[in-house]
Amino acid sequence: FRRVLFRSALPIAINNLTYNNTNSLFRINTRSRAAGLLDALKLKPDISVPALLNCLQESMDETNYTVAAECALALSRFGSDAQPAIPSMIKSMEKLLDESTDITHIACETQFAMALGNCGRKAQAAIPVLIKASNSTNASLSLIATQSLKLIQ
C-alpha cells in the first residue's frame, strides 16, 4: 500500500518542480519541497533526474539558489544516474563562489559541495571548485568542501 502511495506522489513532485506563481515565496517553497520529495522517493531516475536537472538550471538562471541547491542534493542521491548533472552542479557552485559571501550563498555553496561529495569519484571534475571552497573563511563551507574532496579522491 505504501509503495502505491509513493508512486502516486512522483508525478506530483515532478510537476511541482515547474510550479509557477506570481508569489515568489510560494514558487520557491513548492519547488524546494518537490526536490526534497524526489530525494526521499528516489524513484524512476529516468524521469526524476532530468526533471531535477532542469529545475536546478532554471533556478540558477532565476537566482533561486536555494531551490537549485536542494535539486543538487536530490540529484546526488540518485548515484550513477545523476552523473549527467555533475557539470551543472560544478558550474552552479562556481557561480555562487564568484558572486557573493552572504549567508544564503554560503548555505547553498555548502549544499552544492555536499552534493558533489555524494557523487563520489564520478565528480573528479569538481576538485578545483571544491578546493576553492575548502579555502573559504566560512568554517562550515570549508569543512564540507574538505570532506567532499576526500569522498571524491
N, C-alpha and C. Protein backbone atom coordinates (compact mmCIF):
# COMPACT_ATOMS: atom_id res chain seq x y z
N PHE A 1 0.82 -1.19 0.00
CA PHE A 1 0.00 0.00 0.00
C PHE A 1 0.87 1.27 0.00
N ARG A 2 1.91 1.30 0.85
CA ARG A 2 2.79 2.46 0.92
C ARG A 2 3.50 2.69 -0.40
N ARG A 3 3.88 1.61 -1.07
CA ARG A 3 4.58 1.73 -2.35
C ARG A 3 3.69 2.43 -3.38
N VAL A 4 2.41 2.10 -3.38
CA VAL A 4 1.46 2.73 -4.30
C VAL A 4 1.36 4.22 -3.99
N LEU A 5 1.31 4.57 -2.70
CA LEU A 5 1.26 5.97 -2.32
C LEU A 5 2.51 6.72 -2.77
N PHE A 6 3.66 6.09 -2.59
CA PHE A 6 4.91 6.71 -3.01
C PHE A 6 4.90 6.95 -4.52
N ARG A 7 4.49 5.94 -5.26
CA ARG A 7 4.48 6.09 -6.72
C ARG A 7 3.49 7.15 -7.17
N SER A 8 2.40 7.29 -6.46
CA SER A 8 1.42 8.30 -6.85
C SER A 8 1.92 9.71 -6.55
N ALA A 9 2.87 9.85 -5.63
CA ALA A 9 3.43 11.16 -5.30
C ALA A 9 4.45 11.63 -6.34
N LEU A 10 5.03 10.69 -7.08
CA LEU A 10 6.07 11.03 -8.04
C LEU A 10 5.63 12.05 -9.08
N PRO A 11 4.51 11.83 -9.79
CA PRO A 11 4.13 12.83 -10.81
C PRO A 11 3.81 14.20 -10.22
N ILE A 12 3.31 14.21 -9.00
CA ILE A 12 3.01 15.48 -8.35
C ILE A 12 4.32 16.24 -8.07
N ALA A 13 5.30 15.52 -7.56
CA ALA A 13 6.60 16.14 -7.27
C ALA A 13 7.26 16.64 -8.56
N ILE A 14 7.22 15.83 -9.60
CA ILE A 14 7.81 16.22 -10.88
C ILE A 14 7.13 17.49 -11.39
N ASN A 15 5.82 17.50 -11.34
CA ASN A 15 5.06 18.66 -11.80
C ASN A 15 5.37 19.90 -10.97
N ASN A 16 5.55 19.73 -9.67
CA ASN A 16 5.81 20.87 -8.80
C ASN A 16 7.19 21.47 -8.98
N LEU A 17 8.10 20.77 -9.64
CA LEU A 17 9.41 21.34 -9.93
C LEU A 17 9.30 22.52 -10.91
N THR A 18 8.20 22.56 -11.66
CA THR A 18 7.98 23.65 -12.60
C THR A 18 6.85 24.56 -12.15
N TYR A 19 6.44 24.43 -10.89
CA TYR A 19 5.35 25.23 -10.34
C TYR A 19 5.65 26.71 -10.56
N ASN A 20 4.63 27.42 -11.01
CA ASN A 20 4.79 28.83 -11.25
C ASN A 20 3.71 29.60 -10.53
N ASN A 21 4.09 30.70 -9.93
CA ASN A 21 3.16 31.54 -9.19
C ASN A 21 3.77 32.93 -9.15
N THR A 22 2.95 33.94 -9.17
CA THR A 22 3.49 35.30 -9.10
C THR A 22 4.11 35.59 -7.73
N ASN A 23 3.71 34.83 -6.73
CA ASN A 23 4.30 34.96 -5.41
C ASN A 23 5.57 34.11 -5.38
N SER A 24 6.71 34.76 -5.38
CA SER A 24 7.98 34.02 -5.45
C SER A 24 8.19 33.11 -4.25
N LEU A 25 7.68 33.49 -3.09
CA LEU A 25 7.82 32.64 -1.91
C LEU A 25 7.10 31.31 -2.12
N PHE A 26 5.90 31.35 -2.67
CA PHE A 26 5.16 30.11 -2.96
C PHE A 26 5.92 29.26 -3.99
N ARG A 27 6.41 29.92 -5.04
CA ARG A 27 7.12 29.21 -6.11
C ARG A 27 8.37 28.53 -5.56
N ILE A 28 9.16 29.27 -4.80
CA ILE A 28 10.40 28.73 -4.25
C ILE A 28 10.11 27.60 -3.27
N ASN A 29 9.16 27.80 -2.39
CA ASN A 29 8.81 26.79 -1.40
C ASN A 29 8.29 25.51 -2.06
N THR A 30 7.42 25.65 -3.04
CA THR A 30 6.85 24.48 -3.71
C THR A 30 7.92 23.70 -4.45
N ARG A 31 8.76 24.40 -5.18
CA ARG A 31 9.83 23.72 -5.94
C ARG A 31 10.84 23.06 -5.01
N SER A 32 11.19 23.73 -3.94
CA SER A 32 12.14 23.17 -2.99
C SER A 32 11.59 21.91 -2.33
N ARG A 33 10.34 21.95 -1.94
CA ARG A 33 9.71 20.77 -1.33
C ARG A 33 9.58 19.62 -2.33
N ALA A 34 9.34 19.96 -3.59
CA ALA A 34 9.25 18.93 -4.63
C ALA A 34 10.59 18.23 -4.79
N ALA A 35 11.67 19.00 -4.79
CA ALA A 35 13.01 18.41 -4.90
C ALA A 35 13.29 17.51 -3.70
N GLY A 36 12.91 17.97 -2.51
CA GLY A 36 13.09 17.16 -1.31
C GLY A 36 12.29 15.87 -1.35
N LEU A 37 11.09 15.94 -1.90
CA LEU A 37 10.27 14.74 -2.02
C LEU A 37 10.89 13.75 -3.00
N LEU A 38 11.38 14.25 -4.12
CA LEU A 38 12.04 13.36 -5.09
C LEU A 38 13.28 12.73 -4.49
N ASP A 39 13.98 13.48 -3.66
CA ASP A 39 15.14 12.96 -2.94
C ASP A 39 14.70 11.79 -2.05
N ALA A 40 13.62 11.98 -1.33
CA ALA A 40 13.12 10.93 -0.43
C ALA A 40 12.59 9.72 -1.18
N LEU A 41 11.92 9.95 -2.29
CA LEU A 41 11.32 8.85 -3.05
C LEU A 41 12.36 8.02 -3.79
N LYS A 42 13.32 8.70 -4.42
CA LYS A 42 14.36 8.03 -5.22
C LYS A 42 13.76 7.03 -6.22
N LEU A 43 12.70 7.45 -6.87
CA LEU A 43 12.03 6.59 -7.85
C LEU A 43 12.28 7.10 -9.27
N LYS A 44 12.25 6.18 -10.21
CA LYS A 44 12.31 6.48 -11.64
C LYS A 44 13.37 7.54 -11.99
N PRO A 45 14.64 7.17 -11.87
CA PRO A 45 15.68 8.13 -12.18
C PRO A 45 15.62 8.64 -13.63
N ASP A 46 15.08 7.83 -14.53
CA ASP A 46 14.97 8.26 -15.93
C ASP A 46 14.04 9.46 -16.08
N ILE A 47 13.14 9.66 -15.14
CA ILE A 47 12.24 10.81 -15.14
C ILE A 47 12.69 11.86 -14.12
N SER A 48 13.05 11.41 -12.93
CA SER A 48 13.39 12.31 -11.84
C SER A 48 14.67 13.10 -12.10
N VAL A 49 15.71 12.45 -12.59
CA VAL A 49 17.00 13.13 -12.78
C VAL A 49 16.89 14.27 -13.81
N PRO A 50 16.32 14.04 -15.00
CA PRO A 50 16.20 15.17 -15.94
C PRO A 50 15.33 16.31 -15.39
N ALA A 51 14.26 15.96 -14.67
CA ALA A 51 13.39 17.00 -14.11
C ALA A 51 14.13 17.82 -13.05
N LEU A 52 14.88 17.15 -12.20
CA LEU A 52 15.67 17.86 -11.19
C LEU A 52 16.76 18.71 -11.82
N LEU A 53 17.40 18.19 -12.85
CA LEU A 53 18.45 18.94 -13.54
C LEU A 53 17.87 20.18 -14.20
N ASN A 54 16.74 20.04 -14.85
CA ASN A 54 16.09 21.21 -15.47
C ASN A 54 15.72 22.25 -14.42
N CYS A 55 15.20 21.80 -13.29
CA CYS A 55 14.84 22.72 -12.21
C CYS A 55 16.08 23.40 -11.64
N LEU A 56 17.16 22.66 -11.48
CA LEU A 56 18.41 23.23 -10.99
C LEU A 56 18.87 24.35 -11.91
N GLN A 57 18.91 24.07 -13.21
CA GLN A 57 19.39 25.05 -14.18
C GLN A 57 18.48 26.27 -14.25
N GLU A 58 17.19 26.03 -14.28
CA GLU A 58 16.23 27.14 -14.32
C GLU A 58 16.31 27.98 -13.05
N SER A 59 16.46 27.33 -11.92
CA SER A 59 16.54 28.04 -10.65
C SER A 59 17.80 28.90 -10.58
N MET A 60 18.90 28.40 -11.10
CA MET A 60 20.13 29.20 -11.14
C MET A 60 19.93 30.42 -12.03
N ASP A 61 19.28 30.24 -13.16
CA ASP A 61 19.01 31.36 -14.07
C ASP A 61 18.13 32.41 -13.41
N GLU A 62 17.19 31.95 -12.57
CA GLU A 62 16.26 32.85 -11.89
C GLU A 62 16.81 33.36 -10.56
N THR A 63 18.02 33.01 -10.22
CA THR A 63 18.69 33.30 -8.94
C THR A 63 17.93 32.76 -7.73
N ASN A 64 17.24 31.66 -7.92
CA ASN A 64 16.59 30.94 -6.81
C ASN A 64 17.58 29.86 -6.35
N TYR A 65 18.65 30.31 -5.73
CA TYR A 65 19.76 29.43 -5.41
C TYR A 65 19.40 28.35 -4.39
N THR A 66 18.48 28.66 -3.49
CA THR A 66 18.10 27.65 -2.50
C THR A 66 17.41 26.46 -3.17
N VAL A 67 16.60 26.73 -4.18
CA VAL A 67 15.94 25.64 -4.93
C VAL A 67 16.99 24.85 -5.69
N ALA A 68 17.91 25.55 -6.35
CA ALA A 68 18.96 24.88 -7.11
C ALA A 68 19.79 23.96 -6.21
N ALA A 69 20.12 24.44 -5.03
CA ALA A 69 20.92 23.64 -4.11
C ALA A 69 20.14 22.41 -3.63
N GLU A 70 18.85 22.57 -3.39
CA GLU A 70 18.01 21.44 -2.99
C GLU A 70 17.95 20.40 -4.12
N CYS A 71 17.86 20.87 -5.34
CA CYS A 71 17.86 19.97 -6.51
C CYS A 71 19.19 19.23 -6.60
N ALA A 72 20.30 19.93 -6.35
CA ALA A 72 21.62 19.30 -6.40
C ALA A 72 21.72 18.17 -5.38
N LEU A 73 21.27 18.45 -4.16
CA LEU A 73 21.30 17.40 -3.13
C LEU A 73 20.44 16.21 -3.54
N ALA A 74 19.26 16.48 -4.07
CA ALA A 74 18.38 15.39 -4.50
C ALA A 74 19.04 14.60 -5.63
N LEU A 75 19.63 15.29 -6.57
CA LEU A 75 20.30 14.62 -7.69
C LEU A 75 21.41 13.70 -7.19
N SER A 76 22.16 14.18 -6.22
CA SER A 76 23.31 13.41 -5.73
C SER A 76 22.90 12.09 -5.09
N ARG A 77 21.66 11.96 -4.70
CA ARG A 77 21.18 10.73 -4.07
C ARG A 77 20.80 9.66 -5.10
N PHE A 78 20.85 10.03 -6.38
CA PHE A 78 20.49 9.07 -7.43
C PHE A 78 21.70 8.30 -7.96
N GLY A 79 22.82 8.41 -7.30
CA GLY A 79 24.01 7.65 -7.66
C GLY A 79 24.48 7.92 -9.07
N SER A 80 24.86 6.85 -9.77
CA SER A 80 25.42 7.00 -11.11
C SER A 80 24.42 7.58 -12.11
N ASP A 81 23.13 7.46 -11.81
CA ASP A 81 22.12 8.05 -12.70
C ASP A 81 22.23 9.58 -12.74
N ALA A 82 22.83 10.16 -11.73
CA ALA A 82 22.94 11.62 -11.65
C ALA A 82 24.21 12.15 -12.32
N GLN A 83 25.03 11.29 -12.84
CA GLN A 83 26.30 11.73 -13.42
C GLN A 83 26.14 12.84 -14.46
N PRO A 84 25.10 12.83 -15.31
CA PRO A 84 24.96 13.93 -16.28
C PRO A 84 24.74 15.30 -15.62
N ALA A 85 24.37 15.33 -14.37
CA ALA A 85 24.11 16.59 -13.68
C ALA A 85 25.37 17.20 -13.06
N ILE A 86 26.43 16.44 -12.96
CA ILE A 86 27.64 16.92 -12.29
C ILE A 86 28.18 18.21 -12.92
N PRO A 87 28.29 18.33 -14.24
CA PRO A 87 28.80 19.60 -14.80
C PRO A 87 27.95 20.81 -14.41
N SER A 88 26.64 20.66 -14.36
CA SER A 88 25.78 21.77 -13.95
C SER A 88 25.96 22.10 -12.48
N MET A 89 26.17 21.09 -11.66
CA MET A 89 26.41 21.34 -10.24
C MET A 89 27.72 22.11 -10.05
N ILE A 90 28.74 21.72 -10.80
CA ILE A 90 30.04 22.41 -10.71
C ILE A 90 29.89 23.86 -11.16
N LYS A 91 29.27 24.05 -12.31
CA LYS A 91 29.08 25.40 -12.86
C LYS A 91 28.29 26.28 -11.87
N SER A 92 27.26 25.71 -11.28
CA SER A 92 26.44 26.46 -10.32
C SER A 92 27.24 26.85 -9.09
N MET A 93 28.04 25.92 -8.59
CA MET A 93 28.84 26.21 -7.41
C MET A 93 29.88 27.28 -7.72
N GLU A 94 30.49 27.19 -8.89
CA GLU A 94 31.46 28.21 -9.31
C GLU A 94 30.80 29.59 -9.33
N LYS A 95 29.60 29.66 -9.89
CA LYS A 95 28.87 30.93 -9.97
C LYS A 95 28.62 31.48 -8.57
N LEU A 96 28.17 30.64 -7.67
CA LEU A 96 27.90 31.09 -6.31
C LEU A 96 29.16 31.57 -5.61
N LEU A 97 30.25 30.85 -5.77
CA LEU A 97 31.50 31.23 -5.13
C LEU A 97 32.01 32.57 -5.65
N ASP A 98 31.74 32.85 -6.93
CA ASP A 98 32.22 34.09 -7.55
C ASP A 98 31.33 35.29 -7.25
N GLU A 99 30.08 35.03 -6.85
CA GLU A 99 29.12 36.13 -6.71
C GLU A 99 29.15 36.86 -5.39
N SER A 100 29.11 36.14 -4.29
CA SER A 100 28.89 36.81 -3.01
C SER A 100 29.30 35.91 -1.85
N THR A 101 29.38 36.51 -0.69
CA THR A 101 29.66 35.73 0.51
C THR A 101 28.56 35.90 1.55
N ASP A 102 27.34 36.24 1.08
CA ASP A 102 26.26 36.37 2.05
C ASP A 102 25.83 34.99 2.54
N ILE A 103 25.09 34.98 3.61
CA ILE A 103 24.74 33.73 4.30
C ILE A 103 23.95 32.77 3.41
N THR A 104 23.08 33.29 2.55
CA THR A 104 22.31 32.43 1.65
C THR A 104 23.23 31.76 0.65
N HIS A 105 24.14 32.52 0.08
CA HIS A 105 25.09 31.94 -0.87
C HIS A 105 25.93 30.86 -0.21
N ILE A 106 26.41 31.14 0.97
CA ILE A 106 27.27 30.17 1.67
C ILE A 106 26.50 28.89 1.97
N ALA A 107 25.26 29.03 2.39
CA ALA A 107 24.44 27.84 2.66
C ALA A 107 24.25 27.02 1.40
N CYS A 108 24.01 27.69 0.28
CA CYS A 108 23.82 26.99 -1.00
C CYS A 108 25.13 26.37 -1.48
N GLU A 109 26.23 27.10 -1.32
CA GLU A 109 27.54 26.56 -1.70
C GLU A 109 27.83 25.29 -0.90
N THR A 110 27.47 25.32 0.37
CA THR A 110 27.68 24.16 1.23
C THR A 110 26.86 22.97 0.73
N GLN A 111 25.61 23.21 0.33
CA GLN A 111 24.78 22.12 -0.19
C GLN A 111 25.35 21.59 -1.50
N PHE A 112 25.82 22.47 -2.37
CA PHE A 112 26.44 22.01 -3.61
C PHE A 112 27.69 21.19 -3.33
N ALA A 113 28.51 21.64 -2.38
CA ALA A 113 29.71 20.89 -2.01
C ALA A 113 29.34 19.50 -1.50
N MET A 114 28.31 19.44 -0.67
CA MET A 114 27.84 18.16 -0.14
C MET A 114 27.35 17.26 -1.28
N ALA A 115 26.59 17.84 -2.19
CA ALA A 115 26.05 17.07 -3.32
C ALA A 115 27.17 16.51 -4.17
N LEU A 116 28.17 17.33 -4.45
CA LEU A 116 29.29 16.85 -5.27
C LEU A 116 30.05 15.74 -4.55
N GLY A 117 30.22 15.88 -3.25
CA GLY A 117 30.85 14.81 -2.48
C GLY A 117 30.05 13.53 -2.52
N ASN A 118 28.72 13.64 -2.48
CA ASN A 118 27.86 12.46 -2.56
C ASN A 118 28.03 11.72 -3.88
N CYS A 119 28.44 12.44 -4.91
CA CYS A 119 28.63 11.81 -6.23
C CYS A 119 29.91 10.98 -6.30
N GLY A 120 30.78 11.12 -5.30
CA GLY A 120 31.98 10.30 -5.21
C GLY A 120 32.94 10.52 -6.36
N ARG A 121 33.63 9.46 -6.71
CA ARG A 121 34.70 9.52 -7.72
C ARG A 121 34.23 10.05 -9.08
N LYS A 122 32.95 9.94 -9.34
CA LYS A 122 32.42 10.42 -10.62
C LYS A 122 32.49 11.94 -10.73
N ALA A 123 32.73 12.62 -9.60
CA ALA A 123 32.77 14.08 -9.58
C ALA A 123 34.20 14.61 -9.55
N GLN A 124 35.14 13.89 -10.12
CA GLN A 124 36.54 14.33 -10.14
C GLN A 124 36.70 15.74 -10.71
N ALA A 125 35.86 16.10 -11.67
CA ALA A 125 35.96 17.43 -12.29
C ALA A 125 35.64 18.54 -11.30
N ALA A 126 35.05 18.20 -10.17
CA ALA A 126 34.69 19.20 -9.16
C ALA A 126 35.85 19.55 -8.23
N ILE A 127 36.95 18.86 -8.35
CA ILE A 127 38.07 19.08 -7.42
C ILE A 127 38.49 20.55 -7.36
N PRO A 128 38.68 21.25 -8.48
CA PRO A 128 39.11 22.66 -8.38
C PRO A 128 38.12 23.55 -7.61
N VAL A 129 36.83 23.41 -7.88
CA VAL A 129 35.86 24.26 -7.19
C VAL A 129 35.76 23.88 -5.71
N LEU A 130 35.93 22.62 -5.41
CA LEU A 130 35.90 22.20 -4.00
C LEU A 130 37.15 22.65 -3.26
N ILE A 131 38.28 22.68 -3.93
CA ILE A 131 39.50 23.22 -3.31
C ILE A 131 39.28 24.69 -2.97
N LYS A 132 38.72 25.42 -3.92
CA LYS A 132 38.44 26.84 -3.68
C LYS A 132 37.50 26.99 -2.48
N ALA A 133 36.45 26.17 -2.41
CA ALA A 133 35.50 26.24 -1.29
C ALA A 133 36.15 25.82 0.02
N SER A 134 37.07 24.86 -0.04
CA SER A 134 37.73 24.40 1.18
C SER A 134 38.61 25.49 1.79
N ASN A 135 38.99 26.48 0.98
CA ASN A 135 39.79 27.60 1.47
C ASN A 135 38.92 28.77 1.93
N SER A 136 37.62 28.56 1.99
CA SER A 136 36.70 29.61 2.42
C SER A 136 36.97 30.00 3.88
N THR A 137 36.67 31.26 4.18
CA THR A 137 36.77 31.70 5.57
C THR A 137 35.58 31.23 6.40
N ASN A 138 34.55 30.70 5.71
CA ASN A 138 33.40 30.15 6.42
C ASN A 138 33.75 28.72 6.83
N ALA A 139 33.76 28.46 8.12
CA ALA A 139 34.19 27.16 8.64
C ALA A 139 33.32 26.01 8.15
N SER A 140 32.01 26.21 8.07
CA SER A 140 31.11 25.13 7.64
C SER A 140 31.36 24.76 6.18
N LEU A 141 31.44 25.77 5.32
CA LEU A 141 31.70 25.51 3.91
C LEU A 141 33.05 24.84 3.73
N SER A 142 34.05 25.35 4.42
CA SER A 142 35.39 24.78 4.33
C SER A 142 35.40 23.31 4.75
N LEU A 143 34.73 23.00 5.84
CA LEU A 143 34.68 21.62 6.35
C LEU A 143 33.97 20.68 5.37
N ILE A 144 32.80 21.09 4.89
CA ILE A 144 32.04 20.24 3.96
C ILE A 144 32.81 20.05 2.66
N ALA A 145 33.40 21.11 2.15
CA ALA A 145 34.17 21.01 0.90
C ALA A 145 35.36 20.07 1.09
N THR A 146 36.02 20.16 2.21
CA THR A 146 37.17 19.27 2.51
C THR A 146 36.71 17.82 2.60
N GLN A 147 35.59 17.59 3.28
CA GLN A 147 35.05 16.23 3.37
C GLN A 147 34.66 15.70 1.99
N SER A 148 34.09 16.57 1.16
CA SER A 148 33.68 16.16 -0.18
C SER A 148 34.90 15.81 -1.02
N LEU A 149 35.96 16.57 -0.87
CA LEU A 149 37.20 16.24 -1.60
C LEU A 149 37.70 14.84 -1.23
N LYS A 150 37.62 14.51 0.04
CA LYS A 150 38.04 13.17 0.49
C LYS A 150 37.16 12.09 -0.14
N LEU A 151 35.87 12.35 -0.24
CA LEU A 151 34.96 11.37 -0.84
C LEU A 151 35.21 11.18 -2.34
N ILE A 152 35.61 12.25 -2.98
CA ILE A 152 35.85 12.20 -4.43
C ILE A 152 37.21 11.55 -4.73
N GLN A 153 38.19 11.85 -3.91
CA GLN A 153 39.54 11.33 -4.17
C GLN A 153 39.66 9.98 -3.52
